Amino acid sequence: MKTNELIAAAEAELVPQLRVMKTKELERHAAKLLKKIGADYAQVLAEVTKAVPELNAEQNAFVRIQQIVSACGRNDADRKIVERASVIMMVIIKKQFLKIHSQN
């Protein structure tokens, strides 16, 4: 799947495809989407990773991740790109978390 197809894909089609993608492919898509909104992948990944321990049950994690992605990008960023980049960032963090814990 190409990065531009990720933006246009329906959620029902997108989510299963994201789950089976390898981390490197997800990172490539995330970097391209973030570049479109003027954000740097490494910076966003660091900010999202720092925010994860602060998330709690009363807070909508997806909204918080979107806020972080938006804050790292331009003010006029396309909302759809921010949403898709946020979803991908969450999947990347989840995969990294599971990888770390499976090694222990």
N, C-alpha and C. Protein backbone atom coordinates (compact mmCIF):
# COMPACT_ATOMS: atom_id res chain seq x y z
N MET A 1 0.84 -1.17 0.00
CA MET A 1 0.00 0.00 0.00
C MET A 1 0.89 1.24 0.00
N LYS A 2 0.55 2.17 -0.84
CA LYS A 2 1.31 3.42 -0.92
C LYS A 2 0.80 4.39 0.15
N THR A 3 1.65 5.34 0.51
CA THR A 3 1.31 6.29 1.57
C THR A 3 0.05 7.09 1.23
N ASN A 4 -0.07 7.55 -0.01
CA ASN A 4 -1.27 8.30 -0.38
C ASN A 4 -2.53 7.46 -0.30
N GLU A 5 -2.40 6.15 -0.54
CA GLU A 5 -3.54 5.26 -0.40
C GLU A 5 -3.98 5.14 1.05
N LEU A 6 -3.04 5.27 1.98
CA LEU A 6 -3.38 5.24 3.40
C LEU A 6 -4.31 6.38 3.78
N ILE A 7 -4.11 7.52 3.17
CA ILE A 7 -4.92 8.69 3.48
C ILE A 7 -6.35 8.49 2.99
N ALA A 8 -6.51 7.91 1.83
CA ALA A 8 -7.83 7.77 1.21
C ALA A 8 -8.58 6.51 1.63
N ALA A 9 -7.88 5.53 2.19
CA ALA A 9 -8.50 4.25 2.52
C ALA A 9 -9.54 4.39 3.63
N ALA A 10 -10.58 3.59 3.54
CA ALA A 10 -11.59 3.53 4.60
C ALA A 10 -10.96 2.85 5.82
N GLU A 11 -11.41 3.23 7.01
CA GLU A 11 -10.84 2.66 8.23
C GLU A 11 -10.97 1.14 8.27
N ALA A 12 -12.09 0.63 7.83
CA ALA A 12 -12.31 -0.82 7.85
C ALA A 12 -11.29 -1.55 6.98
N GLU A 13 -10.81 -0.91 5.95
CA GLU A 13 -9.81 -1.48 5.07
C GLU A 13 -8.40 -1.23 5.61
N LEU A 14 -8.20 -0.06 6.22
CA LEU A 14 -6.87 0.37 6.65
C LEU A 14 -6.36 -0.39 7.88
N VAL A 15 -7.19 -0.52 8.89
CA VAL A 15 -6.74 -1.09 10.16
C VAL A 15 -6.17 -2.50 10.01
N PRO A 16 -6.85 -3.41 9.32
CA PRO A 16 -6.25 -4.74 9.16
C PRO A 16 -4.91 -4.72 8.43
N GLN A 17 -4.78 -3.83 7.47
CA GLN A 17 -3.51 -3.74 6.73
C GLN A 17 -2.39 -3.20 7.61
N LEU A 18 -2.70 -2.23 8.47
CA LEU A 18 -1.70 -1.69 9.37
C LEU A 18 -1.21 -2.75 10.35
N ARG A 19 -2.12 -3.59 10.81
CA ARG A 19 -1.76 -4.62 11.79
C ARG A 19 -0.74 -5.62 11.25
N VAL A 20 -0.79 -5.89 9.96
CA VAL A 20 0.12 -6.90 9.39
C VAL A 20 1.40 -6.29 8.81
N MET A 21 1.46 -4.97 8.72
CA MET A 21 2.67 -4.33 8.20
C MET A 21 3.82 -4.47 9.18
N LYS A 22 5.01 -4.58 8.64
CA LYS A 22 6.21 -4.62 9.47
C LYS A 22 6.49 -3.22 9.99
N THR A 23 7.19 -3.15 11.09
CA THR A 23 7.49 -1.87 11.72
C THR A 23 8.22 -0.92 10.77
N LYS A 24 9.17 -1.42 10.02
CA LYS A 24 9.92 -0.56 9.08
C LYS A 24 8.99 0.09 8.05
N GLU A 25 8.04 -0.68 7.55
CA GLU A 25 7.08 -0.13 6.59
C GLU A 25 6.19 0.92 7.24
N LEU A 26 5.75 0.65 8.46
CA LEU A 26 4.94 1.62 9.19
C LEU A 26 5.73 2.91 9.43
N GLU A 27 6.98 2.76 9.80
CA GLU A 27 7.84 3.92 10.04
C GLU A 27 8.01 4.75 8.77
N ARG A 28 8.16 4.07 7.64
CA ARG A 28 8.31 4.78 6.36
C ARG A 28 7.05 5.58 6.05
N HIS A 29 5.89 4.96 6.22
CA HIS A 29 4.62 5.67 5.98
C HIS A 29 4.46 6.84 6.96
N ALA A 30 4.77 6.60 8.22
CA ALA A 30 4.65 7.66 9.23
C ALA A 30 5.55 8.84 8.89
N ALA A 31 6.79 8.55 8.51
CA ALA A 31 7.72 9.63 8.17
C ALA A 31 7.20 10.46 6.99
N LYS A 32 6.66 9.77 5.99
CA LYS A 32 6.13 10.49 4.82
C LYS A 32 4.91 11.34 5.20
N LEU A 33 4.00 10.78 5.98
CA LEU A 33 2.81 11.54 6.38
C LEU A 33 3.20 12.74 7.24
N LEU A 34 4.11 12.51 8.18
CA LEU A 34 4.53 13.60 9.06
C LEU A 34 5.26 14.70 8.28
N LYS A 35 6.02 14.29 7.29
CA LYS A 35 6.71 15.28 6.45
C LYS A 35 5.69 16.18 5.74
N LYS A 36 4.54 15.60 5.34
CA LYS A 36 3.49 16.38 4.67
C LYS A 36 2.94 17.49 5.56
N ILE A 37 2.99 17.29 6.88
CA ILE A 37 2.47 18.32 7.79
C ILE A 37 3.60 19.11 8.45
N GLY A 38 4.82 18.89 7.99
CA GLY A 38 5.95 19.65 8.50
C GLY A 38 6.51 19.16 9.81
N ALA A 39 6.28 17.89 10.13
CA ALA A 39 6.78 17.32 11.39
C ALA A 39 7.88 16.31 11.10
N ASP A 40 8.72 16.09 12.09
CA ASP A 40 9.83 15.16 11.99
C ASP A 40 9.46 13.86 12.72
N TYR A 41 9.65 12.73 12.04
CA TYR A 41 9.27 11.43 12.62
C TYR A 41 9.94 11.19 13.97
N ALA A 42 11.24 11.41 14.06
CA ALA A 42 11.97 11.12 15.29
C ALA A 42 11.43 11.95 16.46
N GLN A 43 11.15 13.22 16.19
CA GLN A 43 10.61 14.11 17.23
C GLN A 43 9.24 13.64 17.68
N VAL A 44 8.38 13.30 16.73
CA VAL A 44 7.02 12.86 17.06
C VAL A 44 7.07 11.55 17.83
N LEU A 45 7.91 10.62 17.39
CA LEU A 45 8.04 9.34 18.08
C LEU A 45 8.49 9.55 19.52
N ALA A 46 9.44 10.44 19.72
CA ALA A 46 9.93 10.73 21.08
C ALA A 46 8.81 11.32 21.94
N GLU A 47 8.06 12.26 21.39
CA GLU A 47 6.98 12.91 22.14
C GLU A 47 5.86 11.91 22.47
N VAL A 48 5.50 11.08 21.50
CA VAL A 48 4.45 10.08 21.73
C VAL A 48 4.90 9.07 22.78
N THR A 49 6.14 8.63 22.67
CA THR A 49 6.67 7.66 23.63
C THR A 49 6.68 8.23 25.04
N LYS A 50 7.04 9.51 25.17
CA LYS A 50 7.03 10.15 26.49
C LYS A 50 5.62 10.26 27.05
N ALA A 51 4.64 10.44 26.18
CA ALA A 51 3.26 10.64 26.62
C ALA A 51 2.57 9.34 27.04
N VAL A 52 3.02 8.21 26.53
CA VAL A 52 2.34 6.94 26.80
C VAL A 52 2.17 6.65 28.30
N PRO A 53 3.22 6.78 29.13
CA PRO A 53 3.02 6.49 30.56
C PRO A 53 2.02 7.43 31.25
N GLU A 54 1.82 8.61 30.67
CA GLU A 54 0.92 9.59 31.27
C GLU A 54 -0.55 9.36 30.91
N LEU A 55 -0.80 8.52 29.91
CA LEU A 55 -2.17 8.24 29.49
C LEU A 55 -2.85 7.40 30.56
N ASN A 56 -4.13 7.70 30.79
CA ASN A 56 -4.87 6.92 31.78
C ASN A 56 -6.24 6.54 31.22
N ALA A 57 -6.96 5.78 31.98
CA ALA A 57 -8.24 5.24 31.51
C ALA A 57 -9.27 6.33 31.21
N GLU A 58 -9.21 7.44 31.91
CA GLU A 58 -10.19 8.52 31.69
C GLU A 58 -9.87 9.36 30.46
N GLN A 59 -8.70 9.21 29.93
CA GLN A 59 -8.24 10.03 28.82
C GLN A 59 -8.35 9.24 27.51
N ASN A 60 -8.77 9.91 26.46
CA ASN A 60 -8.82 9.28 25.14
C ASN A 60 -7.41 9.32 24.55
N ALA A 61 -6.77 8.16 24.50
CA ALA A 61 -5.38 8.08 24.04
C ALA A 61 -5.23 8.59 22.61
N PHE A 62 -6.19 8.25 21.75
CA PHE A 62 -6.09 8.66 20.36
C PHE A 62 -6.12 10.18 20.23
N VAL A 63 -6.99 10.83 20.97
CA VAL A 63 -7.06 12.29 20.94
C VAL A 63 -5.75 12.90 21.42
N ARG A 64 -5.17 12.33 22.49
CA ARG A 64 -3.91 12.85 23.01
C ARG A 64 -2.78 12.69 21.99
N ILE A 65 -2.73 11.54 21.31
CA ILE A 65 -1.70 11.32 20.30
C ILE A 65 -1.89 12.30 19.14
N GLN A 66 -3.13 12.53 18.75
CA GLN A 66 -3.41 13.51 17.68
C GLN A 66 -2.92 14.90 18.09
N GLN A 67 -3.13 15.27 19.35
CA GLN A 67 -2.67 16.57 19.82
C GLN A 67 -1.15 16.68 19.72
N ILE A 68 -0.47 15.61 20.06
CA ILE A 68 1.00 15.62 19.98
C ILE A 68 1.44 15.75 18.53
N VAL A 69 0.84 14.97 17.65
CA VAL A 69 1.20 15.03 16.22
C VAL A 69 0.92 16.43 15.68
N SER A 70 -0.23 16.98 16.01
CA SER A 70 -0.59 18.33 15.55
C SER A 70 0.39 19.37 16.05
N ALA A 71 0.78 19.25 17.32
CA ALA A 71 1.69 20.23 17.92
C ALA A 71 3.07 20.19 17.26
N CYS A 72 3.47 19.04 16.77
CA CYS A 72 4.77 18.92 16.12
C CYS A 72 4.76 19.38 14.67
N GLY A 73 3.57 19.51 14.09
CA GLY A 73 3.44 19.91 12.69
C GLY A 73 3.01 21.35 12.54
N ARG A 74 2.62 21.69 11.33
CA ARG A 74 2.14 23.05 11.03
C ARG A 74 0.73 23.24 11.57
N ASN A 75 0.38 24.49 11.84
CA ASN A 75 -0.96 24.81 12.33
C ASN A 75 -2.05 24.50 11.31
N ASP A 76 -1.71 24.59 10.03
CA ASP A 76 -2.72 24.38 8.98
C ASP A 76 -2.71 22.94 8.45
N ALA A 77 -2.20 22.01 9.25
CA ALA A 77 -2.06 20.62 8.81
C ALA A 77 -3.42 20.01 8.49
N ASP A 78 -3.43 19.20 7.45
CA ASP A 78 -4.63 18.48 7.03
C ASP A 78 -5.04 17.51 8.13
N ARG A 79 -6.27 17.64 8.60
CA ARG A 79 -6.78 16.83 9.71
C ARG A 79 -6.71 15.32 9.39
N LYS A 80 -7.00 14.96 8.17
CA LYS A 80 -6.98 13.55 7.77
C LYS A 80 -5.57 12.97 7.88
N ILE A 81 -4.58 13.75 7.49
CA ILE A 81 -3.20 13.29 7.58
C ILE A 81 -2.79 13.15 9.04
N VAL A 82 -3.19 14.09 9.88
CA VAL A 82 -2.89 14.01 11.31
C VAL A 82 -3.51 12.75 11.91
N GLU A 83 -4.77 12.47 11.54
CA GLU A 83 -5.45 11.28 12.05
C GLU A 83 -4.72 10.01 11.63
N ARG A 84 -4.39 9.90 10.36
CA ARG A 84 -3.73 8.70 9.86
C ARG A 84 -2.34 8.54 10.46
N ALA A 85 -1.60 9.63 10.56
CA ALA A 85 -0.27 9.58 11.17
C ALA A 85 -0.38 9.15 12.63
N SER A 86 -1.41 9.61 13.32
CA SER A 86 -1.61 9.25 14.73
C SER A 86 -1.90 7.76 14.88
N VAL A 87 -2.73 7.24 14.01
CA VAL A 87 -3.04 5.80 14.05
C VAL A 87 -1.76 5.00 13.83
N ILE A 88 -0.98 5.39 12.84
CA ILE A 88 0.25 4.67 12.54
C ILE A 88 1.23 4.76 13.71
N MET A 89 1.32 5.93 14.33
CA MET A 89 2.22 6.08 15.48
C MET A 89 1.78 5.16 16.62
N MET A 90 0.49 5.03 16.84
CA MET A 90 -0.01 4.15 17.89
C MET A 90 0.33 2.69 17.58
N VAL A 91 0.21 2.29 16.33
CA VAL A 91 0.53 0.92 15.94
C VAL A 91 2.03 0.66 16.12
N ILE A 92 2.85 1.63 15.75
CA ILE A 92 4.31 1.49 15.91
C ILE A 92 4.67 1.33 17.38
N ILE A 93 4.11 2.17 18.23
CA ILE A 93 4.39 2.10 19.68
C ILE A 93 3.94 0.74 20.22
N LYS A 94 2.77 0.29 19.81
CA LYS A 94 2.26 -1.00 20.27
C LYS A 94 3.21 -2.13 19.86
N LYS A 95 3.63 -2.12 18.60
CA LYS A 95 4.53 -3.18 18.11
C LYS A 95 5.86 -3.15 18.86
N GLN A 96 6.38 -1.96 19.12
CA GLN A 96 7.65 -1.85 19.86
C GLN A 96 7.48 -2.35 21.28
N PHE A 97 6.37 -2.01 21.91
CA PHE A 97 6.08 -2.43 23.28
C PHE A 97 6.00 -3.95 23.34
N LEU A 98 5.24 -4.55 22.42
CA LEU A 98 5.09 -6.00 22.40
C LEU A 98 6.43 -6.70 22.13
N LYS A 99 7.24 -6.12 21.28
CA LYS A 99 8.55 -6.71 20.97
C LYS A 99 9.44 -6.70 22.22
N ILE A 100 9.45 -5.59 22.91
CA ILE A 100 10.26 -5.47 24.13
C ILE A 100 9.80 -6.49 25.17
N HIS A 101 8.51 -6.59 25.37
CA HIS A 101 8.01 -7.48 26.40
C HIS A 101 8.07 -8.96 26.02
N SER A 102 8.12 -9.26 24.76
CA SER A 102 8.25 -10.65 24.34
C SER A 102 9.68 -11.14 24.52
N GLN A 103 10.63 -10.22 24.60
CA GLN A 103 12.03 -10.59 24.78
C GLN A 103 12.35 -10.90 26.24
N ASN A 104 11.51 -10.47 27.15
CA ASN A 104 11.78 -10.68 28.59
C ASN A 104 11.22 -11.99 29.07
